Amino acid sequence: ISYLSALPKLPKPTPSVFVLALCLIDATGYGPIFEEEPMDVVYTSDSPEKRISMNCRARANPPATYRWRRDNWEIKLMEQPDEHYSLVGGNLVITNPIQKKHAGTYTCVTL
């Protein structure tokens, strides 16, 4: 038995049904589409603001979830809370950064 012969025969859609189906598909889900991506940040230890904020914003339906990577390693923001890292919307905030611990290449990943 082939898979195609096991499927029920469906009536051929009329153009109006096809257009309606396209509208329903477009309205239910899309994305994520980046609206704001992280930019290069240079932080010096004598900076008066003791934090770094890297912005990331995406449009999606359902709403996007955000994850961040440092040098290709996922930052476990939920599983391993860290006094330095926090997620605000899609933005990664590093409070009181330490060069040896926080220097690297950061990547925003949306799902």
C-alpha atoms as a PDB file:
ATOM      1  CA  ILE A   1       0.000   0.000   0.000  1.00  0.00           C
ATOM      2  CA  SER A   2       1.433   3.362  -0.903  1.00  0.00           C
ATOM      3  CA  TYR A   3       0.962   6.316   1.345  1.00  0.00           C
ATOM      4  CA  LEU A   4      -0.841   8.250  -1.347  1.00  0.00           C
ATOM      5  CA  SER A   5      -3.497   5.594  -1.849  1.00  0.00           C
ATOM      6  CA  ALA A   6      -4.158   5.464   1.898  1.00  0.00           C
ATOM      7  CA  LEU A   7      -5.040   9.165   2.055  1.00  0.00           C
ATOM      8  CA  PRO A   8      -8.734  10.071   1.696  1.00  0.00           C
ATOM      9  CA  LYS A   9      -9.755  11.821  -1.505  1.00  0.00           C
ATOM     10  CA  LEU A  10     -10.471  15.484  -0.793  1.00  0.00           C
ATOM     11  CA  PRO A  11     -12.629  17.665  -3.017  1.00  0.00           C
ATOM     12  CA  LYS A  12     -10.693  20.050  -5.205  1.00  0.00           C
ATOM     13  CA  PRO A  13     -10.780  23.508  -3.556  1.00  0.00           C
ATOM     14  CA  THR A  14     -12.566  26.290  -5.326  1.00  0.00           C
ATOM     15  CA  PRO A  15     -10.673  29.574  -5.794  1.00  0.00           C
ATOM     16  CA  SER A  16     -12.662  31.278  -3.014  1.00  0.00           C
ATOM     17  CA  VAL A  17     -11.804  28.501  -0.541  1.00  0.00           C
ATOM     18  CA  PHE A  18      -8.141  28.685  -1.568  1.00  0.00           C
ATOM     19  CA  VAL A  19      -8.001  32.449  -0.968  1.00  0.00           C
ATOM     20  CA  LEU A  20      -9.684  32.017   2.417  1.00  0.00           C
ATOM     21  CA  ALA A  21      -7.154  29.329   3.352  1.00  0.00           C
ATOM     22  CA  LEU A  22      -4.280  31.675   2.473  1.00  0.00           C
ATOM     23  CA  CYS A  23      -5.752  34.425   4.654  1.00  0.00           C
ATOM     24  CA  LEU A  24      -6.096  32.055   7.590  1.00  0.00           C
ATOM     25  CA  ILE A  25      -2.528  30.827   7.243  1.00  0.00           C
ATOM     26  CA  ASP A  26      -1.145  34.382   7.067  1.00  0.00           C
ATOM     27  CA  ALA A  27      -3.143  35.472  10.136  1.00  0.00           C
ATOM     28  CA  THR A  28      -2.147  32.598  12.424  1.00  0.00           C
ATOM     29  CA  GLY A  29       1.625  32.680  12.513  1.00  0.00           C
ATOM     30  CA  TYR A  30       4.754  34.243  11.109  1.00  0.00           C
ATOM     31  CA  GLY A  31       8.301  35.142  11.949  1.00  0.00           C
ATOM     32  CA  PRO A  32      10.414  35.679  13.793  1.00  0.00           C
ATOM     33  CA  ILE A  33      11.561  38.695  11.799  1.00  0.00           C
ATOM     34  CA  PHE A  34      14.350  40.767  13.341  1.00  0.00           C
ATOM     35  CA  GLU A  35      13.437  44.409  13.903  1.00  0.00           C
ATOM     36  CA  GLU A  36      16.549  45.259  15.929  1.00  0.00           C
ATOM     37  CA  GLU A  37      19.785  43.282  16.026  1.00  0.00           C
ATOM     38  CA  PRO A  38      22.691  43.606  18.454  1.00  0.00           C
ATOM     39  CA  MET A  39      25.394  46.102  17.561  1.00  0.00           C
ATOM     40  CA  ASP A  40      29.078  45.958  18.476  1.00  0.00           C
ATOM     41  CA  VAL A  41      29.719  47.227  21.991  1.00  0.00           C
ATOM     42  CA  VAL A  42      33.039  48.281  23.460  1.00  0.00           C
ATOM     43  CA  TYR A  43      33.069  48.472  27.243  1.00  0.00           C
ATOM     44  CA  THR A  44      35.930  49.902  29.239  1.00  0.00           C
ATOM     45  CA  SER A  45      36.471  49.203  32.930  1.00  0.00           C
ATOM     46  CA  ASP A  46      36.389  52.939  33.738  1.00  0.00           C
ATOM     47  CA  SER A  47      32.924  53.322  32.193  1.00  0.00           C
ATOM     48  CA  PRO A  48      30.630  55.301  34.534  1.00  0.00           C
ATOM     49  CA  GLU A  49      27.699  53.002  33.721  1.00  0.00           C
ATOM     50  CA  LYS A  50      28.464  49.590  35.167  1.00  0.00           C
ATOM     51  CA  ARG A  51      26.358  47.674  32.686  1.00  0.00           C
ATOM     52  CA  ILE A  52      26.161  46.671  29.050  1.00  0.00           C
ATOM     53  CA  SER A  53      22.897  46.350  27.175  1.00  0.00           C
ATOM     54  CA  MET A  54      22.685  44.493  23.874  1.00  0.00           C
ATOM     55  CA  ASN A  55      19.415  44.986  22.039  1.00  0.00           C
ATOM     56  CA  CYS A  56      17.484  42.365  20.137  1.00  0.00           C
ATOM     57  CA  ARG A  57      13.875  42.651  19.015  1.00  0.00           C
ATOM     58  CA  ALA A  58      11.888  40.404  16.701  1.00  0.00           C
ATOM     59  CA  ARG A  59       8.331  40.436  15.430  1.00  0.00           C
ATOM     60  CA  ALA A  60       6.529  37.081  15.455  1.00  0.00           C
ATOM     61  CA  ASN A  61       3.171  35.460  16.033  1.00  0.00           C
ATOM     62  CA  PRO A  62       3.137  33.791  18.499  1.00  0.00           C
ATOM     63  CA  PRO A  63       5.554  36.189  20.219  1.00  0.00           C
ATOM     64  CA  ALA A  64       9.239  35.328  19.842  1.00  0.00           C
ATOM     65  CA  THR A  65      11.249  33.780  22.633  1.00  0.00           C
ATOM     66  CA  TYR A  66      14.835  34.944  23.016  1.00  0.00           C
ATOM     67  CA  ARG A  67      18.051  33.126  23.785  1.00  0.00           C
ATOM     68  CA  TRP A  68      21.563  34.497  23.839  1.00  0.00           C
ATOM     69  CA  ARG A  69      24.889  32.856  23.067  1.00  0.00           C
ATOM     70  CA  ARG A  70      28.397  33.904  24.043  1.00  0.00           C
ATOM     71  CA  ASP A  71      31.102  32.518  21.770  1.00  0.00           C
ATOM     72  CA  ASN A  72      28.564  29.962  20.476  1.00  0.00           C
ATOM     73  CA  TRP A  73      27.666  28.702  23.983  1.00  0.00           C
ATOM     74  CA  GLU A  74      24.104  29.264  25.154  1.00  0.00           C
ATOM     75  CA  ILE A  75      23.758  31.506  28.192  1.00  0.00           C
ATOM     76  CA  LYS A  76      21.394  29.616  30.502  1.00  0.00           C
ATOM     77  CA  LEU A  77      19.393  32.630  31.654  1.00  0.00           C
ATOM     78  CA  MET A  78      16.477  30.637  33.104  1.00  0.00           C
ATOM     79  CA  GLU A  79      18.156  27.425  34.286  1.00  0.00           C
ATOM     80  CA  GLN A  80      21.197  29.018  35.913  1.00  0.00           C
ATOM     81  CA  PRO A  81      20.375  32.532  37.123  1.00  0.00           C
ATOM     82  CA  ASP A  82      23.447  34.740  37.182  1.00  0.00           C
ATOM     83  CA  GLU A  83      23.940  37.965  39.105  1.00  0.00           C
ATOM     84  CA  HIS A  84      25.488  39.527  36.003  1.00  0.00           C
ATOM     85  CA  TYR A  85      23.117  38.460  33.195  1.00  0.00           C
ATOM     86  CA  SER A  86      19.470  39.424  32.845  1.00  0.00           C
ATOM     87  CA  LEU A  87      16.994  39.355  29.980  1.00  0.00           C
ATOM     88  CA  VAL A  88      14.762  42.411  29.557  1.00  0.00           C
ATOM     89  CA  GLY A  89      12.361  41.771  26.694  1.00  0.00           C
ATOM     90  CA  GLY A  90      14.802  40.417  24.125  1.00  0.00           C
ATOM     91  CA  ASN A  91      17.679  42.559  25.370  1.00  0.00           C
ATOM     92  CA  LEU A  92      20.628  41.050  27.217  1.00  0.00           C
ATOM     93  CA  VAL A  93      21.878  43.177  30.101  1.00  0.00           C
ATOM     94  CA  ILE A  94      25.230  42.469  31.752  1.00  0.00           C
ATOM     95  CA  THR A  95      25.591  44.205  35.125  1.00  0.00           C
ATOM     96  CA  ASN A  96      29.093  44.803  36.549  1.00  0.00           C
ATOM     97  CA  PRO A  97      30.825  43.035  33.655  1.00  0.00           C
ATOM     98  CA  ILE A  98      34.151  41.303  34.256  1.00  0.00           C
ATOM     99  CA  GLN A  99      36.469  41.156  31.250  1.00  0.00           C
ATOM    100  CA  LYS A 100      37.645  37.546  31.709  1.00  0.00           C
ATOM    101  CA  LYS A 101      34.107  36.283  32.293  1.00  0.00           C
ATOM    102  CA  HIS A 102      32.065  38.389  29.868  1.00  0.00           C
ATOM    103  CA  ALA A 103      34.301  39.339  26.915  1.00  0.00           C
ATOM    104  CA  GLY A 104      33.298  37.572  23.720  1.00  0.00           C
ATOM    105  CA  THR A 105      30.987  37.462  20.738  1.00  0.00           C
ATOM    106  CA  TYR A 106      27.300  37.547  21.643  1.00  0.00           C
ATOM    107  CA  THR A 107      24.522  36.310  19.391  1.00  0.00           C
ATOM    108  CA  CYS A 108      20.766  36.764  19.779  1.00  0.00           C
ATOM    109  CA  VAL A 109      18.660  33.737  18.778  1.00  0.00           C
ATOM    110  CA  THR A 110      14.884  33.948  18.407  1.00  0.00           C
ATOM    111  CA  LEU A 111      12.448  31.096  18.221  1.00  0.00           C
END
